[in-house]
Structures are given as structure tokens and as C-alpha cells.
PDB file of N, CA and C in Angstrom:
ATOM      1  N   MET A   1       0.848  -1.177   0.000  1.00  0.00           N
ATOM      2  CA  MET A   1       0.000   0.000   0.000  1.00  0.00           C
ATOM      3  C   MET A   1       0.887   1.231   0.000  1.00  0.00           C
ATOM      4  N   VAL A   2       0.534   2.199  -0.808  1.00  0.00           N
ATOM      5  CA  VAL A   2       1.288   3.445  -0.857  1.00  0.00           C
ATOM      6  C   VAL A   2       0.343   4.593  -0.580  1.00  0.00           C
ATOM      7  N   ILE A   3       0.680   5.371   0.385  1.00  0.00           N
ATOM      8  CA  ILE A   3      -0.071   6.586   0.654  1.00  0.00           C
ATOM      9  C   ILE A   3       0.942   7.717   0.660  1.00  0.00           C
ATOM     10  N   LEU A   4       0.681   8.736  -0.116  1.00  0.00           N
ATOM     11  CA  LEU A   4       1.593   9.866  -0.184  1.00  0.00           C
ATOM     12  C   LEU A   4       0.933  11.059   0.474  1.00  0.00           C
ATOM     13  N   ASP A   5       1.616  11.698   1.402  1.00  0.00           N
ATOM     14  CA  ASP A   5       1.028  12.873   2.028  1.00  0.00           C
ATOM     15  C   ASP A   5       1.404  14.112   1.229  1.00  0.00           C
ATOM     16  N   SER A   6       1.063  15.268   1.748  1.00  0.00           N
ATOM     17  CA  SER A   6       1.266  16.502   1.001  1.00  0.00           C
ATOM     18  C   SER A   6       2.732  16.809   0.747  1.00  0.00           C
ATOM     19  N   ASP A   7       3.622  16.173   1.485  1.00  0.00           N
ATOM     20  CA  ASP A   7       5.051  16.379   1.265  1.00  0.00           C
ATOM     21  C   ASP A   7       5.657  15.306   0.368  1.00  0.00           C
ATOM     22  N   THR A   8       4.815  14.521  -0.282  1.00  0.00           N
ATOM     23  CA  THR A   8       5.212  13.474  -1.228  1.00  0.00           C
ATOM     24  C   THR A   8       6.222  12.494  -0.649  1.00  0.00           C
ATOM     25  N   TYR A   9       5.965  12.020   0.552  1.00  0.00           N
ATOM     26  CA  TYR A   9       6.772  10.938   1.108  1.00  0.00           C
ATOM     27  C   TYR A   9       6.255   9.609   0.588  1.00  0.00           C
ATOM     28  N   VAL A  10       7.148   8.709   0.301  1.00  0.00           N
ATOM     29  CA  VAL A  10       6.750   7.339   0.010  1.00  0.00           C
ATOM     30  C   VAL A  10       6.756   6.600   1.334  1.00  0.00           C
ATOM     31  N   VAL A  11       5.664   5.940   1.614  1.00  0.00           N
ATOM     32  CA  VAL A  11       5.535   5.268   2.897  1.00  0.00           C
ATOM     33  C   VAL A  11       6.348   3.994   2.889  1.00  0.00           C
ATOM     34  N   SER A  12       7.115   3.794   3.925  1.00  0.00           N
ATOM     35  CA  SER A  12       7.853   2.551   4.049  1.00  0.00           C
ATOM     36  C   SER A  12       7.012   1.550   4.820  1.00  0.00           C
ATOM     37  N   VAL A  13       7.174   0.298   4.487  1.00  0.00           N
ATOM     38  CA  VAL A  13       6.391  -0.774   5.073  1.00  0.00           C
ATOM     39  C   VAL A  13       7.353  -1.780   5.683  1.00  0.00           C
ATOM     40  N   MET A  14       7.021  -2.300   6.851  1.00  0.00           N
ATOM     41  CA  MET A  14       7.879  -3.303   7.468  1.00  0.00           C
ATOM     42  C   MET A  14       7.243  -4.673   7.281  1.00  0.00           C
ATOM     43  N   ASP A  15       7.994  -5.606   6.752  1.00  0.00           N
ATOM     44  CA  ASP A  15       7.507  -6.979   6.642  1.00  0.00           C
ATOM     45  C   ASP A  15       8.506  -7.881   7.361  1.00  0.00           C
ATOM     46  N   ALA A  16       8.357  -9.169   7.206  1.00  0.00           N
ATOM     47  CA  ALA A  16       9.232 -10.112   7.909  1.00  0.00           C
ATOM     48  C   ALA A  16      10.687  -9.935   7.512  1.00  0.00           C
ATOM     49  N   ALA A  17      10.946  -9.490   6.303  1.00  0.00           N
ATOM     50  CA  ALA A  17      12.318  -9.327   5.831  1.00  0.00           C
ATOM     51  C   ALA A  17      12.933  -8.006   6.273  1.00  0.00           C
ATOM     52  N   GLY A  18      12.121  -7.074   6.744  1.00  0.00           N
ATOM     53  CA  GLY A  18      12.649  -5.776   7.156  1.00  0.00           C
ATOM     54  C   GLY A  18      11.983  -4.653   6.407  1.00  0.00           C
ATOM     55  N   LEU A  19      12.755  -3.607   6.110  1.00  0.00           N
ATOM     56  CA  LEU A  19      12.193  -2.427   5.476  1.00  0.00           C
ATOM     57  C   LEU A  19      12.160  -2.569   3.961  1.00  0.00           C
ATOM     58  N   TYR A  20      11.042  -2.163   3.382  1.00  0.00           N
ATOM     59  CA  TYR A  20      11.002  -2.010   1.935  1.00  0.00           C
ATOM     60  C   TYR A  20       9.916  -1.013   1.592  1.00  0.00           C
ATOM     61  N   GLN A  21       9.963  -0.503   0.395  1.00  0.00           N
ATOM     62  CA  GLN A  21       8.964   0.452  -0.040  1.00  0.00           C
ATOM     63  C   GLN A  21       8.268  -0.079  -1.284  1.00  0.00           C
ATOM     64  N   MET A  22       7.001   0.226  -1.377  1.00  0.00           N
ATOM     65  CA  MET A  22       6.264  -0.131  -2.583  1.00  0.00           C
ATOM     66  C   MET A  22       5.825   1.171  -3.236  1.00  0.00           C
ATOM     67  N   PHE A  23       5.969   1.234  -4.528  1.00  0.00           N
ATOM     68  CA  PHE A  23       5.672   2.455  -5.264  1.00  0.00           C
ATOM     69  C   PHE A  23       4.831   2.104  -6.481  1.00  0.00           C
ATOM     70  N   SER A  24       3.693   2.761  -6.631  1.00  0.00           N
ATOM     71  CA  SER A  24       2.804   2.447  -7.741  1.00  0.00           C
ATOM     72  C   SER A  24       2.540   3.690  -8.580  1.00  0.00           C
ATOM     73  N   PRO A  25       3.024   3.716  -9.818  1.00  0.00           N
ATOM     74  CA  PRO A  25       2.736   4.861 -10.684  1.00  0.00           C
ATOM     75  C   PRO A  25       1.249   4.978 -11.001  1.00  0.00           C
ATOM     76  N   ASP A  26       0.497   3.883 -10.833  1.00  0.00           N
ATOM     77  CA  ASP A  26      -0.947   3.952 -11.057  1.00  0.00           C
ATOM     78  C   ASP A  26      -1.628   4.793  -9.985  1.00  0.00           C
ATOM     79  N   VAL A  27      -1.041   4.813  -8.792  1.00  0.00           N
ATOM     80  CA  VAL A  27      -1.620   5.581  -7.695  1.00  0.00           C
ATOM     81  C   VAL A  27      -1.097   7.012  -7.709  1.00  0.00           C
ATOM     82  N   TYR A  28       0.179   7.160  -8.001  1.00  0.00           N
ATOM     83  CA  TYR A  28       0.802   8.484  -7.950  1.00  0.00           C
ATOM     84  C   TYR A  28       1.219   8.892  -9.348  1.00  0.00           C
ATOM     85  N   ARG A  29       0.525   9.857  -9.936  1.00  0.00           N
ATOM     86  CA  ARG A  29       0.725  10.189 -11.341  1.00  0.00           C
ATOM     87  C   ARG A  29       1.596  11.416 -11.579  1.00  0.00           C
ATOM     88  N   ASN A  30       1.944  12.140 -10.535  1.00  0.00           N
ATOM     89  CA  ASN A  30       2.664  13.393 -10.743  1.00  0.00           C
ATOM     90  C   ASN A  30       4.155  13.217 -11.004  1.00  0.00           C
ATOM     91  N   GLU A  31       4.679  12.034 -10.748  1.00  0.00           N
ATOM     92  CA  GLU A  31       6.071  11.705 -11.032  1.00  0.00           C
ATOM     93  C   GLU A  31       7.057  12.670 -10.376  1.00  0.00           C
ATOM     94  N   THR A  32       6.742  13.096  -9.155  1.00  0.00           N
ATOM     95  CA  THR A  32       7.659  13.968  -8.426  1.00  0.00           C
ATOM     96  C   THR A  32       8.947  13.232  -8.091  1.00  0.00           C
ATOM     97  N   LEU A  33       8.819  11.956  -7.755  1.00  0.00           N
ATOM     98  CA  LEU A  33       9.992  11.157  -7.402  1.00  0.00           C
ATOM     99  C   LEU A  33      10.496  10.398  -8.619  1.00  0.00           C
ATOM    100  N   THR A  34      11.720  10.687  -9.023  1.00  0.00           N
ATOM    101  CA  THR A  34      12.337   9.934 -10.109  1.00  0.00           C
ATOM    102  C   THR A  34      12.774   8.578  -9.566  1.00  0.00           C
ATOM    103  N   PRO A  35      13.050   7.599 -10.426  1.00  0.00           N
ATOM    104  CA  PRO A  35      13.570   6.315  -9.940  1.00  0.00           C
ATOM    105  C   PRO A  35      14.838   6.484  -9.100  1.00  0.00           C
ATOM    106  N   GLU A  36      15.686   7.443  -9.485  1.00  0.00           N
ATOM    107  CA  GLU A  36      16.910   7.687  -8.727  1.00  0.00           C
ATOM    108  C   GLU A  36      16.591   8.216  -7.332  1.00  0.00           C
ATOM    109  N   ALA A  37      15.634   9.150  -7.258  1.00  0.00           N
ATOM    110  CA  ALA A  37      15.242   9.713  -5.966  1.00  0.00           C
ATOM    111  C   ALA A  37      14.597   8.649  -5.095  1.00  0.00           C
ATOM    112  N   LEU A  38      13.796   7.794  -5.710  1.00  0.00           N
ATOM    113  CA  LEU A  38      13.149   6.719  -4.953  1.00  0.00           C
ATOM    114  C   LEU A  38      14.193   5.746  -4.405  1.00  0.00           C
ATOM    115  N   ALA A  39      15.186   5.396  -5.226  1.00  0.00           N
ATOM    116  CA  ALA A  39      16.244   4.486  -4.775  1.00  0.00           C
ATOM    117  C   ALA A  39      17.015   5.109  -3.608  1.00  0.00           C
ATOM    118  N   PHE A  40      17.290   6.404  -3.703  1.00  0.00           N
ATOM    119  CA  PHE A  40      17.984   7.097  -2.616  1.00  0.00           C
ATOM    120  C   PHE A  40      17.149   7.071  -1.341  1.00  0.00           C
ATOM    121  N   LEU A  41      15.850   7.347  -1.462  1.00  0.00           N
ATOM    122  CA  LEU A  41      14.969   7.330  -0.295  1.00  0.00           C
ATOM    123  C   LEU A  41      14.915   5.941   0.324  1.00  0.00           C
ATOM    124  N   ASN A  42      14.805   4.921  -0.506  1.00  0.00           N
ATOM    125  CA  ASN A  42      14.788   3.547   0.000  1.00  0.00           C
ATOM    126  C   ASN A  42      16.049   3.251   0.806  1.00  0.00           C
ATOM    127  N   LYS A  43      17.207   3.650   0.263  1.00  0.00           N
ATOM    128  CA  LYS A  43      18.486   3.402   0.935  1.00  0.00           C
ATOM    129  C   LYS A  43      18.546   4.152   2.263  1.00  0.00           C
ATOM    130  N   GLU A  44      18.106   5.412   2.252  1.00  0.00           N
ATOM    131  CA  GLU A  44      18.130   6.213   3.471  1.00  0.00           C
ATOM    132  C   GLU A  44      17.201   5.635   4.533  1.00  0.00           C
ATOM    133  N   LEU A  45      16.015   5.211   4.117  1.00  0.00           N
ATOM    134  CA  LEU A  45      15.061   4.654   5.082  1.00  0.00           C
ATOM    135  C   LEU A  45      15.583   3.355   5.676  1.00  0.00           C
ATOM    136  N   ALA A  46      16.236   2.552   4.852  1.00  0.00           N
ATOM    137  CA  ALA A  46      16.746   1.266   5.326  1.00  0.00           C
ATOM    138  C   ALA A  46      17.914   1.451   6.289  1.00  0.00           C
ATOM    139  N   SER A  47      18.652   2.559   6.152  1.00  0.00           N
ATOM    140  CA  SER A  47      19.843   2.744   6.977  1.00  0.00           C
ATOM    141  C   SER A  47      19.631   3.712   8.142  1.00  0.00           C
ATOM    142  N   ASP A  48      18.486   4.369   8.184  1.00  0.00           N
ATOM    143  CA  ASP A  48      18.255   5.387   9.212  1.00  0.00           C
ATOM    144  C   ASP A  48      16.942   5.099   9.927  1.00  0.00           C
ATOM    145  N   VAL A  49      17.034   4.500  11.096  1.00  0.00           N
ATOM    146  CA  VAL A  49      15.839   4.083  11.827  1.00  0.00           C
ATOM    147  C   VAL A  49      14.980   5.283  12.219  1.00  0.00           C
ATOM    148  N   GLU A  50      15.621   6.385  12.620  1.00  0.00           N
ATOM    149  CA  GLU A  50      14.851   7.566  13.001  1.00  0.00           C
ATOM    150  C   GLU A  50      14.067   8.112  11.817  1.00  0.00           C
ATOM    151  N   LEU A  51      14.680   8.146  10.646  1.00  0.00           N
ATOM    152  CA  LEU A  51      13.988   8.616   9.451  1.00  0.00           C
ATOM    153  C   LEU A  51      12.838   7.686   9.102  1.00  0.00           C
ATOM    154  N   TYR A  52      13.057   6.381   9.225  1.00  0.00           N
ATOM    155  CA  TYR A  52      11.989   5.414   8.958  1.00  0.00           C
ATOM    156  C   TYR A  52      10.774   5.696   9.838  1.00  0.00           C
ATOM    157  N   TYR A  53      11.002   5.884  11.136  1.00  0.00           N
ATOM    158  CA  TYR A  53       9.874   6.121  12.039  1.00  0.00           C
ATOM    159  C   TYR A  53       9.230   7.476  11.793  1.00  0.00           C
ATOM    160  N   PHE A  54      10.020   8.471  11.385  1.00  0.00           N
ATOM    161  CA  PHE A  54       9.460   9.770  11.027  1.00  0.00           C
ATOM    162  C   PHE A  54       8.508   9.633   9.838  1.00  0.00           C
ATOM    163  N   VAL A  55       8.959   8.925   8.800  1.00  0.00           N
ATOM    164  CA  VAL A  55       8.124   8.737   7.613  1.00  0.00           C
ATOM    165  C   VAL A  55       6.885   7.923   7.962  1.00  0.00           C
ATOM    166  N   ARG A  56       7.052   6.896   8.792  1.00  0.00           N
ATOM    167  CA  ARG A  56       5.910   6.075   9.185  1.00  0.00           C
ATOM    168  C   ARG A  56       4.887   6.908   9.962  1.00  0.00           C
ATOM    169  N   GLN A  57       5.362   7.781  10.836  1.00  0.00           N
ATOM    170  CA  GLN A  57       4.457   8.651  11.585  1.00  0.00           C
ATOM    171  C   GLN A  57       3.692   9.568  10.635  1.00  0.00           C
ATOM    172  N   ARG A  58       4.403  10.123   9.636  1.00  0.00           N
ATOM    173  CA  ARG A  58       3.735  10.985   8.654  1.00  0.00           C
ATOM    174  C   ARG A  58       2.654  10.207   7.914  1.00  0.00           C
ATOM    175  N   PHE A  59       2.926   8.937   7.607  1.00  0.00           N
ATOM    176  CA  PHE A  59       1.944   8.087   6.940  1.00  0.00           C
ATOM    177  C   PHE A  59       0.676   7.959   7.776  1.00  0.00           C
ATOM    178  N   TYR A  60       0.834   7.651   9.063  1.00  0.00           N
ATOM    179  CA  TYR A  60      -0.342   7.465   9.908  1.00  0.00           C
ATOM    180  C   TYR A  60      -1.145   8.746  10.033  1.00  0.00           C
ATOM    181  N   LEU A  61      -0.461   9.882  10.175  1.00  0.00           N
ATOM    182  CA  LEU A  61      -1.175  11.151  10.262  1.00  0.00           C
ATOM    183  C   LEU A  61      -1.913  11.444   8.965  1.00  0.00           C
ATOM    184  N   SER A  62      -1.254  11.181   7.836  1.00  0.00           N
ATOM    185  CA  SER A  62      -1.869  11.412   6.536  1.00  0.00           C
ATOM    186  C   SER A  62      -3.069  10.495   6.330  1.00  0.00           C
ATOM    187  N   MET A  63      -2.918   9.219   6.697  1.00  0.00           N
ATOM    188  CA  MET A  63      -4.008   8.262   6.538  1.00  0.00           C
ATOM    189  C   MET A  63      -5.201   8.657   7.402  1.00  0.00           C
ATOM    190  N   LYS A  64      -4.940   9.063   8.633  1.00  0.00           N
ATOM    191  CA  LYS A  64      -6.026   9.466   9.532  1.00  0.00           C
ATOM    192  C   LYS A  64      -6.784  10.653   8.946  1.00  0.00           C
ATOM    193  N   LYS A  65      -6.039  11.636   8.458  1.00  0.00           N
ATOM    194  CA  LYS A  65      -6.643  12.821   7.868  1.00  0.00           C
ATOM    195  C   LYS A  65      -7.467  12.449   6.631  1.00  0.00           C
ATOM    196  N   ALA A  66      -6.915  11.570   5.805  1.00  0.00           N
ATOM    197  CA  ALA A  66      -7.600  11.161   4.584  1.00  0.00           C
ATOM    198  C   ALA A  66      -8.882  10.394   4.896  1.00  0.00           C
ATOM    199  N   LEU A  67      -8.828   9.510   5.886  1.00  0.00           N
ATOM    200  CA  LEU A  67     -10.023   8.743   6.248  1.00  0.00           C
ATOM    201  C   LEU A  67     -11.098   9.647   6.841  1.00  0.00           C
ATOM    202  N   GLU A  68     -10.690  10.635   7.624  1.00  0.00           N
ATOM    203  CA  GLU A  68     -11.658  11.590   8.159  1.00  0.00           C
ATOM    204  C   GLU A  68     -12.298  12.377   7.025  1.00  0.00           C
ATOM    205  N   TYR A  69     -11.494  12.781   6.040  1.00  0.00           N
ATOM    206  CA  TYR A  69     -12.026  13.520   4.895  1.00  0.00           C
ATOM    207  C   TYR A  69     -13.043  12.669   4.150  1.00  0.00           C
ATOM    208  N   ARG A  70     -12.698  11.406   3.921  1.00  0.00           N
ATOM    209  CA  ARG A  70     -13.610  10.521   3.200  1.00  0.00           C
ATOM    210  C   ARG A  70     -14.901  10.313   3.983  1.00  0.00           C
ATOM    211  N   ALA A  71     -14.796  10.131   5.280  1.00  0.00           N
ATOM    212  CA  ALA A  71     -15.990   9.927   6.108  1.00  0.00           C
ATOM    213  C   ALA A  71     -16.890  11.158   6.078  1.00  0.00           C
ATOM    214  N   ASN A  72     -16.288  12.327   6.050  1.00  0.00           N
ATOM    215  CA  ASN A  72     -17.065  13.568   6.077  1.00  0.00           C
ATOM    216  C   ASN A  72     -17.673  13.929   4.733  1.00  0.00           C
ATOM    217  N   THR A  73     -17.148  13.388   3.650  1.00  0.00           N
ATOM    218  CA  THR A  73     -17.636  13.766   2.325  1.00  0.00           C
ATOM    219  C   THR A  73     -18.342  12.635   1.599  1.00  0.00           C
ATOM    220  N   ASN A  74     -18.289  11.423   2.155  1.00  0.00           N
ATOM    221  CA  ASN A  74     -18.939  10.256   1.546  1.00  0.00           C
ATOM    222  C   ASN A  74     -18.482  10.007   0.109  1.00  0.00           C
ATOM    223  N   LEU A  75     -17.199  10.173  -0.141  1.00  0.00           N
ATOM    224  CA  LEU A  75     -16.665   9.924  -1.480  1.00  0.00           C
ATOM    225  C   LEU A  75     -16.554   8.431  -1.744  1.00  0.00           C
ATOM    226  N   GLN A  76     -16.734   8.052  -2.983  1.00  0.00           N
ATOM    227  CA  GLN A  76     -16.471   6.682  -3.394  1.00  0.00           C
ATOM    228  C   GLN A  76     -14.957   6.499  -3.476  1.00  0.00           C
ATOM    229  N   ASP A  77     -14.495   5.254  -3.510  1.00  0.00           N
ATOM    230  CA  ASP A  77     -13.055   4.975  -3.475  1.00  0.00           C
ATOM    231  C   ASP A  77     -12.282   5.667  -4.592  1.00  0.00           C
ATOM    232  N   ASN A  78     -12.788   5.616  -5.829  1.00  0.00           N
ATOM    233  CA  ASN A  78     -12.035   6.218  -6.932  1.00  0.00           C
ATOM    234  C   ASN A  78     -11.991   7.739  -6.801  1.00  0.00           C
ATOM    235  N   GLU A  79     -13.077   8.354  -6.321  1.00  0.00           N
ATOM    236  CA  GLU A  79     -13.067   9.795  -6.099  1.00  0.00           C
ATOM    237  C   GLU A  79     -12.127  10.152  -4.953  1.00  0.00           C
ATOM    238  N   PHE A  80     -12.093   9.295  -3.945  1.00  0.00           N
ATOM    239  CA  PHE A  80     -11.222   9.499  -2.794  1.00  0.00           C
ATOM    240  C   PHE A  80      -9.757   9.486  -3.234  1.00  0.00           C
ATOM    241  N   LEU A  81      -9.390   8.492  -4.049  1.00  0.00           N
ATOM    242  CA  LEU A  81      -8.013   8.421  -4.543  1.00  0.00           C
ATOM    243  C   LEU A  81      -7.680   9.631  -5.400  1.00  0.00           C
ATOM    244  N   ARG A  82      -8.612  10.044  -6.237  1.00  0.00           N
ATOM    245  CA  ARG A  82      -8.368  11.190  -7.100  1.00  0.00           C
ATOM    246  C   ARG A  82      -8.118  12.438  -6.253  1.00  0.00           C
ATOM    247  N   HIS A  83      -8.891  12.604  -5.187  1.00  0.00           N
ATOM    248  CA  HIS A  83      -8.687  13.749  -4.303  1.00  0.00           C
ATOM    249  C   HIS A  83      -7.305  13.685  -3.659  1.00  0.00           C
ATOM    250  N   ARG A  84      -6.895  12.514  -3.206  1.00  0.00           N
ATOM    251  CA  ARG A  84      -5.595  12.374  -2.546  1.00  0.00           C
ATOM    252  C   ARG A  84      -4.455  12.666  -3.521  1.00  0.00           C
ATOM    253  N   ILE A  85      -4.630  12.336  -4.795  1.00  0.00           N
ATOM    254  CA  ILE A  85      -3.577  12.567  -5.786  1.00  0.00           C
ATOM    255  C   ILE A  85      -3.505  14.047  -6.152  1.00  0.00           C
ATOM    256  N   ASP A  86      -4.675  14.656  -6.358  1.00  0.00           N
ATOM    257  CA  ASP A  86      -4.715  16.036  -6.833  1.00  0.00           C
ATOM    258  C   ASP A  86      -4.408  17.059  -5.755  1.00  0.00           C
ATOM    259  N   ASN A  87      -4.578  16.672  -4.510  1.00  0.00           N
ATOM    260  CA  ASN A  87      -4.359  17.629  -3.418  1.00  0.00           C
ATOM    261  C   ASN A  87      -3.190  17.188  -2.652  1.00  0.00           C
TER     262      ASN A  87
END
């Protein structure tokens, strides 16, 4: 799952193997992050625990805000995603 907040962070996810990031151009169309920038971010997140937790915290705050927005506006899923991408 990828959720990008207003500062265009890629959310890192922890699985059994450790840190990794998933990035979907279908979800994020603005192409702010180049493949090189994404690779750099992945490396930094994997090597910097404080940065990882900072990004994870931003993800939770962004997700909470987005879910509250959706609950208050009764948007369908595709409209909800479009709002998150455009704003």
C-alpha cells in the first residue's frame, strides 16, 4: 500500500524481511519522485531508523486525515483516490 502525504513521502512498510517500499505509478501520477530519488529514499530509510519512524508517523497522520475527509464527504473509493492525488 502506498499513501503519499502533502510532502510526497513514500511510505515505508515493514515486513518479515525488514524495510522495503512499494511504489505504484498507477496511484501516484505526478512523477515527483524519479527512480533515482526513490532508490535514494529507500536506501536512506533502510539505513536510518529515526527517518523510517518519522516517515511512518507521517503516513499514519496522513491516513487518519484522509479517512476523516472521506468519512465527512462520503466519497467513493475512486473519487477518494483522485482527491488524494490532486491535493
